[in-house]
Amino acid sequence: MNHPTSDRGVNDLASRGEGCLFEEPFSDLPSVQRSSDEIPAFLKRVEASDDHRLVCIMGALVAEHHLDRMLKLMCPKYDVLEGSNDFSFSLRINLLQAWFIVPHWITRDLHVIRAVRNLLVFP
């Protein structure tokens, strides 16, 4: 296999719809590990409401929050983009996909979450 930083290597991975540019995850970063226990308690409170619409919308907010955290790790001046009204959930997902730093299924699933959220928020 070609080195992933060569154009052909990256394109080979992208054409198969698998892999990503990096082999090692960012899970060893302290900022990623700090909030790993926050979500279960949060989701338990949302789930207790028995409102499926609320669960979907709040789940999308959690996904969007973690998408922002991933992008902030890669972009030191992310706050410049984050403050823009044009920097939508969809655009952020596409940016992550374009950087090719996570497997394709992650961005595909984020687009599904976004689409479900949009159906519920904008019927």
PDB file of N, CA and C in Angstrom:
ATOM      1  N   MET A   1       0.844  -1.190   0.000  1.00  0.00           N
ATOM      2  CA  MET A   1       0.000   0.000   0.000  1.00  0.00           C
ATOM      3  C   MET A   1       0.875   1.235   0.000  1.00  0.00           C
ATOM      4  N   ASN A   2       0.417   2.282  -0.653  1.00  0.00           N
ATOM      5  CA  ASN A   2       1.151   3.537  -0.706  1.00  0.00           C
ATOM      6  C   ASN A   2       1.125   4.221   0.647  1.00  0.00           C
ATOM      7  N   HIS A   3       2.105   5.075   0.841  1.00  0.00           N
ATOM      8  CA  HIS A   3       2.127   5.876   2.065  1.00  0.00           C
ATOM      9  C   HIS A   3       0.895   6.765   2.073  1.00  0.00           C
ATOM     10  N   PRO A   4       0.165   6.859   3.208  1.00  0.00           N
ATOM     11  CA  PRO A   4      -1.092   7.601   3.241  1.00  0.00           C
ATOM     12  C   PRO A   4      -0.966   9.082   2.922  1.00  0.00           C
ATOM     13  N   THR A   5       0.242   9.655   3.025  1.00  0.00           N
ATOM     14  CA  THR A   5       0.353  11.077   2.728  1.00  0.00           C
ATOM     15  C   THR A   5       0.518  11.346   1.246  1.00  0.00           C
ATOM     16  N   SER A   6       0.798  10.327   0.448  1.00  0.00           N
ATOM     17  CA  SER A   6       0.858  10.545  -1.002  1.00  0.00           C
ATOM     18  C   SER A   6      -0.557  10.674  -1.536  1.00  0.00           C
ATOM     19  N   ASP A   7      -0.715  11.438  -2.613  1.00  0.00           N
ATOM     20  CA  ASP A   7      -2.053  11.647  -3.182  1.00  0.00           C
ATOM     21  C   ASP A   7      -2.716  10.333  -3.544  1.00  0.00           C
ATOM     22  N   ARG A   8      -1.968   9.435  -4.150  1.00  0.00           N
ATOM     23  CA  ARG A   8      -2.555   8.167  -4.558  1.00  0.00           C
ATOM     24  C   ARG A   8      -2.995   7.348  -3.349  1.00  0.00           C
ATOM     25  N   GLY A   9      -2.210   7.340  -2.273  1.00  0.00           N
ATOM     26  CA  GLY A   9      -2.567   6.581  -1.079  1.00  0.00           C
ATOM     27  C   GLY A   9      -3.846   7.076  -0.444  1.00  0.00           C
ATOM     28  N   VAL A  10      -3.988   8.380  -0.310  1.00  0.00           N
ATOM     29  CA  VAL A  10      -5.195   8.961   0.268  1.00  0.00           C
ATOM     30  C   VAL A  10      -6.382   8.669  -0.628  1.00  0.00           C
ATOM     31  N   ASN A  11      -6.210   8.831  -1.926  1.00  0.00           N
ATOM     32  CA  ASN A  11      -7.310   8.565  -2.854  1.00  0.00           C
ATOM     33  C   ASN A  11      -7.702   7.099  -2.850  1.00  0.00           C
ATOM     34  N   ASP A  12      -6.730   6.194  -2.695  1.00  0.00           N
ATOM     35  CA  ASP A  12      -7.049   4.763  -2.611  1.00  0.00           C
ATOM     36  C   ASP A  12      -7.926   4.483  -1.397  1.00  0.00           C
ATOM     37  N   LEU A  13      -7.577   5.057  -0.249  1.00  0.00           N
ATOM     38  CA  LEU A  13      -8.392   4.868   0.955  1.00  0.00           C
ATOM     39  C   LEU A  13      -9.775   5.473   0.769  1.00  0.00           C
ATOM     40  N   ALA A  14      -9.830   6.660   0.208  1.00  0.00           N
ATOM     41  CA  ALA A  14     -11.117   7.340   0.032  1.00  0.00           C
ATOM     42  C   ALA A  14     -12.007   6.597  -0.955  1.00  0.00           C
ATOM     43  N   SER A  15     -11.422   6.063  -2.025  1.00  0.00           N
ATOM     44  CA  SER A  15     -12.244   5.382  -3.028  1.00  0.00           C
ATOM     45  C   SER A  15     -12.882   4.112  -2.466  1.00  0.00           C
ATOM     46  N   ARG A  16     -12.241   3.491  -1.502  1.00  0.00           N
ATOM     47  CA  ARG A  16     -12.818   2.289  -0.880  1.00  0.00           C
ATOM     48  C   ARG A  16     -13.813   2.663   0.207  1.00  0.00           C
ATOM     49  N   GLY A  17     -13.865   3.947   0.591  1.00  0.00           N
ATOM     50  CA  GLY A  17     -14.809   4.383   1.615  1.00  0.00           C
ATOM     51  C   GLY A  17     -14.443   3.865   2.988  1.00  0.00           C
ATOM     52  N   GLU A  18     -13.164   3.642   3.241  1.00  0.00           N
ATOM     53  CA  GLU A  18     -12.758   3.107   4.531  1.00  0.00           C
ATOM     54  C   GLU A  18     -11.477   3.795   4.980  1.00  0.00           C
ATOM     55  N   GLY A  19     -11.088   3.486   6.196  1.00  0.00           N
ATOM     56  CA  GLY A  19      -9.836   4.018   6.703  1.00  0.00           C
ATOM     57  C   GLY A  19      -9.877   5.510   6.923  1.00  0.00           C
ATOM     58  N   CYS A  20      -8.737   6.033   7.291  1.00  0.00           N
ATOM     59  CA  CYS A  20      -8.564   7.459   7.423  1.00  0.00           C
ATOM     60  C   CYS A  20      -7.081   7.743   7.328  1.00  0.00           C
ATOM     61  N   LEU A  21      -6.727   8.995   7.335  1.00  0.00           N
ATOM     62  CA  LEU A  21      -5.348   9.388   7.137  1.00  0.00           C
ATOM     63  C   LEU A  21      -4.444   8.922   8.274  1.00  0.00           C
ATOM     64  N   PHE A  22      -4.974   8.874   9.489  1.00  0.00           N
ATOM     65  CA  PHE A  22      -4.188   8.484  10.658  1.00  0.00           C
ATOM     66  C   PHE A  22      -4.616   7.113  11.151  1.00  0.00           C
ATOM     67  N   GLU A  23      -3.663   6.358  11.636  1.00  0.00           N
ATOM     68  CA  GLU A  23      -3.983   5.033  12.155  1.00  0.00           C
ATOM     69  C   GLU A  23      -4.284   5.050  13.641  1.00  0.00           C
ATOM     70  N   GLU A  24      -3.704   5.981  14.375  1.00  0.00           N
ATOM     71  CA  GLU A  24      -3.883   6.049  15.822  1.00  0.00           C
ATOM     72  C   GLU A  24      -4.970   7.048  16.174  1.00  0.00           C
ATOM     73  N   PRO A  25      -5.903   6.713  17.067  1.00  0.00           N
ATOM     74  CA  PRO A  25      -6.942   7.664  17.481  1.00  0.00           C
ATOM     75  C   PRO A  25      -6.378   8.724  18.415  1.00  0.00           C
ATOM     76  N   PHE A  26      -7.140   9.785  18.598  1.00  0.00           N
ATOM     77  CA  PHE A  26      -6.743  10.862  19.497  1.00  0.00           C
ATOM     78  C   PHE A  26      -7.169  10.582  20.934  1.00  0.00           C
ATOM     79  N   SER A  27      -7.554   9.369  21.263  1.00  0.00           N
ATOM     80  CA  SER A  27      -8.138   9.071  22.564  1.00  0.00           C
ATOM     81  C   SER A  27      -7.188   9.290  23.730  1.00  0.00           C
ATOM     82  N   ASP A  28      -5.902   9.429  23.465  1.00  0.00           N
ATOM     83  CA  ASP A  28      -4.981   9.629  24.573  1.00  0.00           C
ATOM     84  C   ASP A  28      -4.841  11.102  24.952  1.00  0.00           C
ATOM     85  N   LEU A  29      -5.541  11.982  24.264  1.00  0.00           N
ATOM     86  CA  LEU A  29      -5.478  13.393  24.618  1.00  0.00           C
ATOM     87  C   LEU A  29      -6.312  13.658  25.870  1.00  0.00           C
ATOM     88  N   PRO A  30      -5.766  14.379  26.838  1.00  0.00           N
ATOM     89  CA  PRO A  30      -6.504  14.647  28.085  1.00  0.00           C
ATOM     90  C   PRO A  30      -7.835  15.345  27.862  1.00  0.00           C
ATOM     91  N   SER A  31      -7.913  16.256  26.898  1.00  0.00           N
ATOM     92  CA  SER A  31      -9.163  16.987  26.693  1.00  0.00           C
ATOM     93  C   SER A  31     -10.275  16.081  26.194  1.00  0.00           C
ATOM     94  N   VAL A  32      -9.932  14.999  25.525  1.00  0.00           N
ATOM     95  CA  VAL A  32     -10.933  14.051  25.046  1.00  0.00           C
ATOM     96  C   VAL A  32     -11.405  13.171  26.193  1.00  0.00           C
ATOM     97  N   GLN A  33     -10.496  12.754  27.039  1.00  0.00           N
ATOM     98  CA  GLN A  33     -10.832  11.854  28.137  1.00  0.00           C
ATOM     99  C   GLN A  33     -11.621  12.548  29.247  1.00  0.00           C
ATOM    100  N   ARG A  34     -11.424  13.838  29.434  1.00  0.00           N
ATOM    101  CA  ARG A  34     -12.058  14.549  30.538  1.00  0.00           C
ATOM    102  C   ARG A  34     -13.574  14.417  30.562  1.00  0.00           C
ATOM    103  N   SER A  35     -14.222  14.484  29.411  1.00  0.00           N
ATOM    104  CA  SER A  35     -15.676  14.508  29.410  1.00  0.00           C
ATOM    105  C   SER A  35     -16.298  13.149  29.115  1.00  0.00           C
ATOM    106  N   SER A  36     -15.521  12.081  29.160  1.00  0.00           N
ATOM    107  CA  SER A  36     -16.058  10.769  28.805  1.00  0.00           C
ATOM    108  C   SER A  36     -17.151  10.302  29.761  1.00  0.00           C
ATOM    109  N   ASP A  37     -17.162  10.800  30.985  1.00  0.00           N
ATOM    110  CA  ASP A  37     -18.185  10.388  31.947  1.00  0.00           C
ATOM    111  C   ASP A  37     -19.391  11.327  31.974  1.00  0.00           C
ATOM    112  N   GLU A  38     -19.325  12.443  31.246  1.00  0.00           N
ATOM    113  CA  GLU A  38     -20.420  13.410  31.264  1.00  0.00           C
ATOM    114  C   GLU A  38     -21.654  12.900  30.536  1.00  0.00           C
ATOM    115  N   ILE A  39     -21.467  12.210  29.444  1.00  0.00           N
ATOM    116  CA  ILE A  39     -22.588  11.858  28.574  1.00  0.00           C
ATOM    117  C   ILE A  39     -23.536  10.838  29.194  1.00  0.00           C
ATOM    118  N   PRO A  40     -23.074   9.752  29.793  1.00  0.00           N
ATOM    119  CA  PRO A  40     -24.050   8.794  30.323  1.00  0.00           C
ATOM    120  C   PRO A  40     -25.053   9.405  31.294  1.00  0.00           C
ATOM    121  N   ALA A  41     -24.618  10.243  32.209  1.00  0.00           N
ATOM    122  CA  ALA A  41     -25.546  10.870  33.156  1.00  0.00           C
ATOM    123  C   ALA A  41     -26.505  11.803  32.414  1.00  0.00           C
ATOM    124  N   PHE A  42     -25.997  12.528  31.460  1.00  0.00           N
ATOM    125  CA  PHE A  42     -26.821  13.434  30.662  1.00  0.00           C
ATOM    126  C   PHE A  42     -27.884  12.652  29.889  1.00  0.00           C
ATOM    127  N   LEU A  43     -27.472  11.586  29.227  1.00  0.00           N
ATOM    128  CA  LEU A  43     -28.420  10.793  28.448  1.00  0.00           C
ATOM    129  C   LEU A  43     -29.448  10.094  29.319  1.00  0.00           C
ATOM    130  N   LYS A  44     -29.061   9.712  30.520  1.00  0.00           N
ATOM    131  CA  LYS A  44     -30.019   9.091  31.442  1.00  0.00           C
ATOM    132  C   LYS A  44     -31.143  10.063  31.787  1.00  0.00           C
ATOM    133  N   ARG A  45     -30.799  11.322  31.996  1.00  0.00           N
ATOM    134  CA  ARG A  45     -31.820  12.329  32.304  1.00  0.00           C
ATOM    135  C   ARG A  45     -32.740  12.559  31.114  1.00  0.00           C
ATOM    136  N   VAL A  46     -32.175  12.620  29.924  1.00  0.00           N
ATOM    137  CA  VAL A  46     -32.985  12.838  28.725  1.00  0.00           C
ATOM    138  C   VAL A  46     -33.867  11.628  28.460  1.00  0.00           C
ATOM    139  N   GLU A  47     -33.298  10.446  28.584  1.00  0.00           N
ATOM    140  CA  GLU A  47     -34.035   9.217  28.326  1.00  0.00           C
ATOM    141  C   GLU A  47     -35.207   9.040  29.298  1.00  0.00           C
ATOM    142  N   ALA A  48     -35.048   9.515  30.497  1.00  0.00           N
ATOM    143  CA  ALA A  48     -36.098   9.388  31.509  1.00  0.00           C
ATOM    144  C   ALA A  48     -37.342  10.189  31.152  1.00  0.00           C
ATOM    145  N   SER A  49     -37.235  11.109  30.233  1.00  0.00           N
ATOM    146  CA  SER A  49     -38.383  11.949  29.883  1.00  0.00           C
ATOM    147  C   SER A  49     -39.418  11.214  29.050  1.00  0.00           C
ATOM    148  N   ASP A  50     -39.082  10.099  28.426  1.00  0.00           N
ATOM    149  CA  ASP A  50     -39.982   9.335  27.556  1.00  0.00           C
ATOM    150  C   ASP A  50     -40.445  10.128  26.332  1.00  0.00           C
ATOM    151  N   ASP A  51     -39.761  11.198  26.009  1.00  0.00           N
ATOM    152  CA  ASP A  51     -40.071  12.001  24.826  1.00  0.00           C
ATOM    153  C   ASP A  51     -39.045  11.643  23.753  1.00  0.00           C
ATOM    154  N   HIS A  52     -39.456  10.837  22.780  1.00  0.00           N
ATOM    155  CA  HIS A  52     -38.523  10.350  21.762  1.00  0.00           C
ATOM    156  C   HIS A  52     -37.965  11.479  20.906  1.00  0.00           C
ATOM    157  N   ARG A  53     -38.781  12.482  20.685  1.00  0.00           N
ATOM    158  CA  ARG A  53     -38.315  13.639  19.918  1.00  0.00           C
ATOM    159  C   ARG A  53     -37.186  14.342  20.663  1.00  0.00           C
ATOM    160  N   LEU A  54     -37.363  14.529  21.970  1.00  0.00           N
ATOM    161  CA  LEU A  54     -36.337  15.153  22.795  1.00  0.00           C
ATOM    162  C   LEU A  54     -35.056  14.325  22.791  1.00  0.00           C
ATOM    163  N   VAL A  55     -35.175  13.012  22.890  1.00  0.00           N
ATOM    164  CA  VAL A  55     -33.994  12.130  22.888  1.00  0.00           C
ATOM    165  C   VAL A  55     -33.220  12.305  21.585  1.00  0.00           C
ATOM    166  N   CYS A  56     -33.920  12.343  20.447  1.00  0.00           N
ATOM    167  CA  CYS A  56     -33.259  12.514  19.149  1.00  0.00           C
ATOM    168  C   CYS A  56     -32.568  13.871  19.046  1.00  0.00           C
ATOM    169  N   ILE A  57     -33.263  14.919  19.437  1.00  0.00           N
ATOM    170  CA  ILE A  57     -32.696  16.266  19.330  1.00  0.00           C
ATOM    171  C   ILE A  57     -31.500  16.424  20.268  1.00  0.00           C
ATOM    172  N   MET A  58     -31.633  15.954  21.487  1.00  0.00           N
ATOM    173  CA  MET A  58     -30.516  16.075  22.433  1.00  0.00           C
ATOM    174  C   MET A  58     -29.347  15.184  22.027  1.00  0.00           C
ATOM    175  N   GLY A  59     -29.656  14.019  21.472  1.00  0.00           N
ATOM    176  CA  GLY A  59     -28.588  13.153  20.960  1.00  0.00           C
ATOM    177  C   GLY A  59     -27.818  13.836  19.839  1.00  0.00           C
ATOM    178  N   ALA A  60     -28.541  14.558  18.973  1.00  0.00           N
ATOM    179  CA  ALA A  60     -27.883  15.309  17.903  1.00  0.00           C
ATOM    180  C   ALA A  60     -27.004  16.415  18.481  1.00  0.00           C
ATOM    181  N   LEU A  61     -27.466  17.050  19.550  1.00  0.00           N
ATOM    182  CA  LEU A  61     -26.645  18.087  20.198  1.00  0.00           C
ATOM    183  C   LEU A  61     -25.363  17.502  20.786  1.00  0.00           C
ATOM    184  N   VAL A  62     -25.468  16.312  21.357  1.00  0.00           N
ATOM    185  CA  VAL A  62     -24.276  15.641  21.891  1.00  0.00           C
ATOM    186  C   VAL A  62     -23.309  15.326  20.753  1.00  0.00           C
ATOM    187  N   ALA A  63     -23.833  14.795  19.634  1.00  0.00           N
ATOM    188  CA  ALA A  63     -22.989  14.479  18.477  1.00  0.00           C
ATOM    189  C   ALA A  63     -22.330  15.748  17.939  1.00  0.00           C
ATOM    190  N   GLU A  64     -23.100  16.822  17.853  1.00  0.00           N
ATOM    191  CA  GLU A  64     -22.558  18.097  17.360  1.00  0.00           C
ATOM    192  C   GLU A  64     -21.491  18.644  18.301  1.00  0.00           C
ATOM    193  N   HIS A  65     -21.703  18.496  19.588  1.00  0.00           N
ATOM    194  CA  HIS A  65     -20.716  18.932  20.590  1.00  0.00           C
ATOM    195  C   HIS A  65     -19.392  18.196  20.390  1.00  0.00           C
ATOM    196  N   HIS A  66     -19.458  16.891  20.196  1.00  0.00           N
ATOM    197  CA  HIS A  66     -18.221  16.118  20.035  1.00  0.00           C
ATOM    198  C   HIS A  66     -17.581  16.348  18.669  1.00  0.00           C
ATOM    199  N   LEU A  67     -18.377  16.644  17.661  1.00  0.00           N
ATOM    200  CA  LEU A  67     -17.828  17.040  16.362  1.00  0.00           C
ATOM    201  C   LEU A  67     -17.025  18.326  16.530  1.00  0.00           C
ATOM    202  N   ASP A  68     -17.584  19.306  17.240  1.00  0.00           N
ATOM    203  CA  ASP A  68     -16.865  20.552  17.504  1.00  0.00           C
ATOM    204  C   ASP A  68     -15.570  20.292  18.265  1.00  0.00           C
ATOM    205  N   ARG A  69     -15.598  19.391  19.218  1.00  0.00           N
ATOM    206  CA  ARG A  69     -14.389  19.080  19.993  1.00  0.00           C
ATOM    207  C   ARG A  69     -13.315  18.484  19.091  1.00  0.00           C
ATOM    208  N   MET A  70     -13.705  17.595  18.162  1.00  0.00           N
ATOM    209  CA  MET A  70     -12.727  17.023  17.226  1.00  0.00           C
ATOM    210  C   MET A  70     -12.124  18.112  16.344  1.00  0.00           C
ATOM    211  N   LEU A  71     -12.971  18.996  15.833  1.00  0.00           N
ATOM    212  CA  LEU A  71     -12.481  20.051  14.955  1.00  0.00           C
ATOM    213  C   LEU A  71     -11.581  21.031  15.699  1.00  0.00           C
ATOM    214  N   LYS A  72     -11.909  21.316  16.961  1.00  0.00           N
ATOM    215  CA  LYS A  72     -11.072  22.210  17.761  1.00  0.00           C
ATOM    216  C   LYS A  72      -9.683  21.619  17.990  1.00  0.00           C
ATOM    217  N   LEU A  73      -9.593  20.306  18.075  1.00  0.00           N
ATOM    218  CA  LEU A  73      -8.290  19.660  18.236  1.00  0.00           C
ATOM    219  C   LEU A  73      -7.401  19.878  17.018  1.00  0.00           C
ATOM    220  N   MET A  74      -8.019  19.968  15.854  1.00  0.00           N
ATOM    221  CA  MET A  74      -7.265  20.075  14.614  1.00  0.00           C
ATOM    222  C   MET A  74      -7.075  21.513  14.132  1.00  0.00           C
ATOM    223  N   CYS A  75      -7.846  22.437  14.658  1.00  0.00           N
ATOM    224  CA  CYS A  75      -7.840  23.809  14.146  1.00  0.00           C
ATOM    225  C   CYS A  75      -7.685  24.787  15.312  1.00  0.00           C
ATOM    226  N   PRO A  76      -6.485  25.298  15.521  1.00  0.00           N
ATOM    227  CA  PRO A  76      -6.235  26.175  16.674  1.00  0.00           C
ATOM    228  C   PRO A  76      -7.123  27.424  16.725  1.00  0.00           C
ATOM    229  N   LYS A  77      -7.527  27.960  15.596  1.00  0.00           N
ATOM    230  CA  LYS A  77      -8.365  29.163  15.555  1.00  0.00           C
ATOM    231  C   LYS A  77      -9.810  28.799  15.202  1.00  0.00           C
ATOM    232  N   TYR A  78     -10.273  27.675  15.709  1.00  0.00           N
ATOM    233  CA  TYR A  78     -11.613  27.180  15.392  1.00  0.00           C
ATOM    234  C   TYR A  78     -12.697  28.157  15.810  1.00  0.00           C
ATOM    235  N   ASP A  79     -12.458  28.937  16.850  1.00  0.00           N
ATOM    236  CA  ASP A  79     -13.469  29.879  17.330  1.00  0.00           C
ATOM    237  C   ASP A  79     -13.845  30.908  16.261  1.00  0.00           C
ATOM    238  N   VAL A  80     -12.943  31.206  15.320  1.00  0.00           N
ATOM    239  CA  VAL A  80     -13.246  32.122  14.220  1.00  0.00           C
ATOM    240  C   VAL A  80     -14.345  31.523  13.346  1.00  0.00           C
ATOM    241  N   LEU A  81     -14.256  30.230  13.068  1.00  0.00           N
ATOM    242  CA  LEU A  81     -15.269  29.544  12.265  1.00  0.00           C
ATOM    243  C   LEU A  81     -16.545  29.319  13.055  1.00  0.00           C
ATOM    244  N   GLU A  82     -16.383  28.914  14.298  1.00  0.00           N
ATOM    245  CA  GLU A  82     -17.524  28.559  15.148  1.00  0.00           C
ATOM    246  C   GLU A  82     -18.471  29.739  15.352  1.00  0.00           C
ATOM    247  N   GLY A  83     -17.941  30.943  15.333  1.00  0.00           N
ATOM    248  CA  GLY A  83     -18.767  32.131  15.544  1.00  0.00           C
ATOM    249  C   GLY A  83     -19.556  32.564  14.322  1.00  0.00           C
ATOM    250  N   SER A  84     -19.332  31.923  13.180  1.00  0.00           N
ATOM    251  CA  SER A  84     -20.007  32.310  11.947  1.00  0.00           C
ATOM    252  C   SER A  84     -21.374  31.643  11.833  1.00  0.00           C
ATOM    253  N   ASN A  85     -22.373  32.399  11.417  1.00  0.00           N
ATOM    254  CA  ASN A  85     -23.715  31.849  11.213  1.00  0.00           C
ATOM    255  C   ASN A  85     -23.757  30.850  10.062  1.00  0.00           C
ATOM    256  N   ASP A  86     -22.807  30.958   9.132  1.00  0.00           N
ATOM    257  CA  ASP A  86     -22.781  30.079   7.963  1.00  0.00           C
ATOM    258  C   ASP A  86     -22.099  28.749   8.233  1.00  0.00           C
ATOM    259  N   PHE A  87     -21.548  28.555   9.415  1.00  0.00           N
ATOM    260  CA  PHE A  87     -20.798  27.338   9.732  1.00  0.00           C
ATOM    261  C   PHE A  87     -21.760  26.305  10.330  1.00  0.00           C
ATOM    262  N   SER A  88     -22.540  25.691   9.470  1.00  0.00           N
ATOM    263  CA  SER A  88     -23.615  24.786   9.875  1.00  0.00           C
ATOM    264  C   SER A  88     -23.093  23.426  10.316  1.00  0.00           C
ATOM    265  N   PHE A  89     -23.979  22.639  10.899  1.00  0.00           N
ATOM    266  CA  PHE A  89     -23.678  21.263  11.291  1.00  0.00           C
ATOM    267  C   PHE A  89     -23.214  20.486  10.057  1.00  0.00           C
ATOM    268  N   SER A  90     -23.911  20.638   8.957  1.00  0.00           N
ATOM    269  CA  SER A  90     -23.571  19.940   7.716  1.00  0.00           C
ATOM    270  C   SER A  90     -22.180  20.338   7.227  1.00  0.00           C
ATOM    271  N   LEU A  91     -21.877  21.614   7.245  1.00  0.00           N
ATOM    272  CA  LEU A  91     -20.575  22.090   6.800  1.00  0.00           C
ATOM    273  C   LEU A  91     -19.455  21.563   7.703  1.00  0.00           C
ATOM    274  N   ARG A  92     -19.714  21.508   9.003  1.00  0.00           N
ATOM    275  CA  ARG A  92     -18.705  20.974   9.926  1.00  0.00           C
ATOM    276  C   ARG A  92     -18.451  19.490   9.674  1.00  0.00           C
ATOM    277  N   ILE A  93     -19.514  18.738   9.389  1.00  0.00           N
ATOM    278  CA  ILE A  93     -19.351  17.317   9.061  1.00  0.00           C
ATOM    279  C   ILE A  93     -18.533  17.182   7.783  1.00  0.00           C
ATOM    280  N   ASN A  94     -18.856  17.985   6.771  1.00  0.00           N
ATOM    281  CA  ASN A  94     -18.132  17.930   5.503  1.00  0.00           C
ATOM    282  C   ASN A  94     -16.664  18.307   5.683  1.00  0.00           C
ATOM    283  N   LEU A  95     -16.391  19.263   6.557  1.00  0.00           N
ATOM    284  CA  LEU A  95     -15.008  19.651   6.838  1.00  0.00           C
ATOM    285  C   LEU A  95     -14.242  18.477   7.449  1.00  0.00           C
ATOM    286  N   LEU A  96     -14.852  17.814   8.416  1.00  0.00           N
ATOM    287  CA  LEU A  96     -14.215  16.646   9.020  1.00  0.00           C
ATOM    288  C   LEU A  96     -13.979  15.562   7.972  1.00  0.00           C
ATOM    289  N   GLN A  97     -14.952  15.354   7.097  1.00  0.00           N
ATOM    290  CA  GLN A  97     -14.810  14.359   6.035  1.00  0.00           C
ATOM    291  C   GLN A  97     -13.692  14.757   5.065  1.00  0.00           C
ATOM    292  N   ALA A  98     -13.601  16.030   4.722  1.00  0.00           N
ATOM    293  CA  ALA A  98     -12.575  16.498   3.789  1.00  0.00           C
ATOM    294  C   ALA A  98     -11.173  16.350   4.363  1.00  0.00           C
ATOM    295  N   TRP A  99     -11.034  16.530   5.668  1.00  0.00           N
ATOM    296  CA  TRP A  99      -9.729  16.363   6.294  1.00  0.00           C
ATOM    297  C   TRP A  99      -9.292  14.908   6.321  1.00  0.00           C
ATOM    298  N   PHE A 100     -10.243  13.989   6.185  1.00  0.00           N
ATOM    299  CA  PHE A 100      -9.961  12.556   6.086  1.00  0.00           C
ATOM    300  C   PHE A 100      -9.204  12.036   7.313  1.00  0.00           C
ATOM    301  N   ILE A 101      -9.631  12.494   8.490  1.00  0.00           N
ATOM    302  CA  ILE A 101      -8.953  12.089   9.721  1.00  0.00           C
ATOM    303  C   ILE A 101      -9.758  11.082  10.534  1.00  0.00           C
ATOM    304  N   VAL A 102     -10.974  10.794  10.092  1.00  0.00           N
ATOM    305  CA  VAL A 102     -11.793   9.774  10.749  1.00  0.00           C
ATOM    306  C   VAL A 102     -12.353   8.856   9.664  1.00  0.00           C
ATOM    307  N   PRO A 103     -12.706   7.636  10.018  1.00  0.00           N
ATOM    308  CA  PRO A 103     -13.301   6.737   9.020  1.00  0.00           C
ATOM    309  C   PRO A 103     -14.593   7.318   8.444  1.00  0.00           C
ATOM    310  N   HIS A 104     -14.882   6.963   7.209  1.00  0.00           N
ATOM    311  CA  HIS A 104     -16.045   7.484   6.493  1.00  0.00           C
ATOM    312  C   HIS A 104     -17.361   7.217   7.229  1.00  0.00           C
ATOM    313  N   TRP A 105     -17.472   6.089   7.909  1.00  0.00           N
ATOM    314  CA  TRP A 105     -18.739   5.759   8.566  1.00  0.00           C
ATOM    315  C   TRP A 105     -19.097   6.764   9.653  1.00  0.00           C
ATOM    316  N   ILE A 106     -18.120   7.418  10.240  1.00  0.00           N
ATOM    317  CA  ILE A 106     -18.411   8.414  11.275  1.00  0.00           C
ATOM    318  C   ILE A 106     -19.113   9.619  10.661  1.00  0.00           C
ATOM    319  N   THR A 107     -18.576  10.146   9.570  1.00  0.00           N
ATOM    320  CA  THR A 107     -19.212  11.302   8.940  1.00  0.00           C
ATOM    321  C   THR A 107     -20.545  10.908   8.296  1.00  0.00           C
ATOM    322  N   ARG A 108     -20.628   9.695   7.762  1.00  0.00           N
ATOM    323  CA  ARG A 108     -21.913   9.217   7.202  1.00  0.00           C
ATOM    324  C   ARG A 108     -22.976   9.190   8.291  1.00  0.00           C
ATOM    325  N   ASP A 109     -22.636   8.640   9.453  1.00  0.00           N
ATOM    326  CA  ASP A 109     -23.594   8.560  10.559  1.00  0.00           C
ATOM    327  C   ASP A 109     -23.941   9.940  11.112  1.00  0.00           C
ATOM    328  N   LEU A 110     -22.971  10.850  11.127  1.00  0.00           N
ATOM    329  CA  LEU A 110     -23.262  12.214  11.565  1.00  0.00           C
ATOM    330  C   LEU A 110     -24.264  12.888  10.624  1.00  0.00           C
ATOM    331  N   HIS A 111     -24.158  12.626   9.324  1.00  0.00           N
ATOM    332  CA  HIS A 111     -25.135  13.181   8.375  1.00  0.00           C
ATOM    333  C   HIS A 111     -26.527  12.591   8.617  1.00  0.00           C
ATOM    334  N   VAL A 112     -26.600  11.322   8.997  1.00  0.00           N
ATOM    335  CA  VAL A 112     -27.900  10.703   9.309  1.00  0.00           C
ATOM    336  C   VAL A 112     -28.492  11.361  10.559  1.00  0.00           C
ATOM    337  N   ILE A 113     -27.674  11.544  11.578  1.00  0.00           N
ATOM    338  CA  ILE A 113     -28.125  12.201  12.813  1.00  0.00           C
ATOM    339  C   ILE A 113     -28.622  13.609  12.498  1.00  0.00           C
ATOM    340  N   ARG A 114     -27.873  14.337  11.664  1.00  0.00           N
ATOM    341  CA  ARG A 114     -28.265  15.700  11.279  1.00  0.00           C
ATOM    342  C   ARG A 114     -29.601  15.691  10.540  1.00  0.00           C
ATOM    343  N   ALA A 115     -29.777  14.741   9.624  1.00  0.00           N
ATOM    344  CA  ALA A 115     -31.017  14.673   8.840  1.00  0.00           C
ATOM    345  C   ALA A 115     -32.223  14.373   9.736  1.00  0.00           C
ATOM    346  N   VAL A 116     -32.062  13.451  10.690  1.00  0.00           N
ATOM    347  CA  VAL A 116     -33.161  13.134  11.618  1.00  0.00           C
ATOM    348  C   VAL A 116     -33.478  14.348  12.481  1.00  0.00           C
ATOM    349  N   ARG A 117     -32.448  14.995  12.975  1.00  0.00           N
ATOM    350  CA  ARG A 117     -32.657  16.205  13.780  1.00  0.00           C
ATOM    351  C   ARG A 117     -33.417  17.261  12.985  1.00  0.00           C
ATOM    352  N   ASN A 118     -33.025  17.461  11.731  1.00  0.00           N
ATOM    353  CA  ASN A 118     -33.696  18.460  10.895  1.00  0.00           C
ATOM    354  C   ASN A 118     -35.155  18.111  10.651  1.00  0.00           C
ATOM    355  N   LEU A 119     -35.456  16.830  10.488  1.00  0.00           N
ATOM    356  CA  LEU A 119     -36.854  16.405  10.304  1.00  0.00           C
ATOM    357  C   LEU A 119     -37.700  16.728  11.544  1.00  0.00           C
ATOM    358  N   LEU A 120     -37.099  16.596  12.707  1.00  0.00           N
ATOM    359  CA  LEU A 120     -37.830  16.856  13.943  1.00  0.00           C
ATOM    360  C   LEU A 120     -37.939  18.334  14.276  1.00  0.00           C
ATOM    361  N   VAL A 121     -36.916  19.086  13.952  1.00  0.00           N
ATOM    362  CA  VAL A 121     -36.895  20.505  14.293  1.00  0.00           C
ATOM    363  C   VAL A 121     -37.614  21.348  13.244  1.00  0.00           C
ATOM    364  N   PHE A 122     -37.464  20.953  11.973  1.00  0.00           N
ATOM    365  CA  PHE A 122     -38.073  21.701  10.862  1.00  0.00           C
ATOM    366  C   PHE A 122     -39.029  20.788  10.094  1.00  0.00           C
ATOM    367  N   PRO A 123     -40.182  20.448  10.687  1.00  0.00           N
ATOM    368  CA  PRO A 123     -41.090  19.467  10.038  1.00  0.00           C
ATOM    369  C   PRO A 123     -41.691  19.952   8.741  1.00  0.00           C
TER     370      PRO A 123
END
